[in-house]
Amino acid sequence: MHQENELVPYPERVASNFKAWLAQQGGHFTPEQQHWLEMIRDHIAANLGINLDDFEYAPFNKEGGLGRVHQLFGEELPKVIEVLNRELVA
């Protein structure tokens, strides 16, 4: 079991993990994909995770909801969600 010596607020840990994950991806996301990834990051920080149903609610539904995020990420969407849920909460 991994233990940390310092208590870090959960939203800060999620933000740090997101920044590290993004750096590993090599910047291959479009600006709109980046925007959605940031909304997903914020949702995970506030709700401890995300699933496909969450895209039907604010703030996602105001920007096209599940249909739009699926257009942006295509068949990779379930994988992206799985990876973000795992990597950001670590």
Protein backbone atom coordinates (compact mmCIF):
# COMPACT_ATOMS: atom_id res chain seq x y z
CA MET A 1 0.00 0.00 0.00
CA HIS A 2 1.30 3.43 -0.98
CA GLN A 3 1.27 6.03 1.78
CA GLU A 4 1.83 9.73 1.38
CA ASN A 5 3.50 11.77 4.10
CA GLU A 6 1.46 14.87 3.35
CA LEU A 7 -2.29 15.29 3.28
CA VAL A 8 -3.27 16.97 0.02
CA PRO A 9 -6.82 18.20 -0.62
CA TYR A 10 -8.54 15.87 -3.07
CA PRO A 11 -9.17 18.52 -5.79
CA GLU A 12 -5.49 19.47 -5.71
CA ARG A 13 -4.43 15.82 -6.04
CA VAL A 14 -6.80 15.37 -8.99
CA ALA A 15 -5.43 18.52 -10.66
CA SER A 16 -1.84 17.38 -10.17
CA ASN A 17 -2.58 13.89 -11.48
CA PHE A 18 -4.41 15.39 -14.46
CA LYS A 19 -1.45 17.61 -15.31
CA ALA A 20 0.90 14.60 -15.15
CA TRP A 21 -1.45 12.46 -17.25
CA LEU A 22 -1.80 15.20 -19.88
CA ALA A 23 1.98 15.54 -20.12
CA GLN A 24 2.23 11.79 -20.78
CA GLN A 25 -0.26 12.09 -23.64
CA GLY A 26 2.03 14.30 -25.71
CA GLY A 27 -0.50 17.05 -26.37
CA HIS A 28 -2.46 15.29 -29.10
CA PHE A 29 -5.83 16.71 -28.04
CA THR A 30 -7.70 19.45 -29.90
CA PRO A 31 -8.60 22.60 -27.97
CA GLU A 32 -12.22 21.41 -27.69
CA GLN A 33 -11.15 17.97 -26.46
CA GLN A 34 -8.88 19.70 -23.94
CA HIS A 35 -11.82 21.76 -22.72
CA TRP A 36 -13.93 18.63 -22.22
CA LEU A 37 -11.07 16.85 -20.46
CA GLU A 38 -10.84 19.79 -18.07
CA MET A 39 -14.59 19.61 -17.39
CA ILE A 40 -14.21 15.87 -16.75
CA ARG A 41 -11.29 16.60 -14.41
CA ASP A 42 -13.39 19.09 -12.46
CA HIS A 43 -16.28 16.64 -12.25
CA ILE A 44 -14.00 13.90 -10.93
CA ALA A 45 -12.55 16.31 -8.35
CA ALA A 46 -16.04 17.17 -7.11
CA ASN A 47 -17.70 13.75 -7.41
CA LEU A 48 -14.90 11.17 -7.00
CA GLY A 49 -15.47 9.79 -10.50
CA ILE A 50 -17.45 10.06 -13.73
CA ASN A 51 -19.60 7.76 -15.84
CA LEU A 52 -21.48 8.13 -19.12
CA ASP A 53 -24.72 9.16 -17.39
CA ASP A 54 -22.99 12.22 -15.93
CA PHE A 55 -22.75 13.78 -19.40
CA GLU A 56 -26.53 14.38 -19.31
CA TYR A 57 -26.09 16.92 -16.49
CA ALA A 58 -24.47 20.34 -16.08
CA PRO A 59 -22.03 21.51 -17.23
CA PHE A 60 -21.83 18.85 -19.94
CA ASN A 61 -25.42 19.06 -21.14
CA LYS A 62 -25.01 22.79 -21.83
CA GLU A 63 -22.30 21.95 -24.36
CA GLY A 64 -23.94 19.03 -26.13
CA GLY A 65 -23.84 16.31 -23.49
CA LEU A 66 -23.08 12.70 -24.26
CA GLY A 67 -23.62 13.16 -27.99
CA ARG A 68 -20.98 15.89 -28.24
CA VAL A 69 -18.37 14.18 -26.08
CA HIS A 70 -18.87 11.02 -28.14
CA GLN A 71 -18.33 13.02 -31.34
CA LEU A 72 -15.10 14.40 -29.92
CA PHE A 73 -13.61 11.15 -28.59
CA GLY A 74 -15.42 8.53 -30.66
CA GLU A 75 -14.95 4.90 -29.73
CA GLU A 76 -12.12 5.91 -27.39
CA LEU A 77 -14.58 7.61 -24.99
CA PRO A 78 -15.10 4.61 -22.66
CA LYS A 79 -11.33 4.09 -22.47
CA VAL A 80 -10.72 7.80 -21.78
CA ILE A 81 -13.28 7.75 -18.96
CA GLU A 82 -11.82 4.56 -17.49
CA VAL A 83 -8.27 5.93 -17.59
CA LEU A 84 -9.22 9.31 -16.10
CA ASN A 85 -11.21 7.67 -13.31
CA ARG A 86 -8.19 5.51 -12.49
CA GLU A 87 -5.36 8.00 -12.98
CA LEU A 88 -6.87 11.11 -11.44
CA VAL A 89 -7.91 9.52 -8.17
CA ALA A 90 -4.64 7.65 -7.60
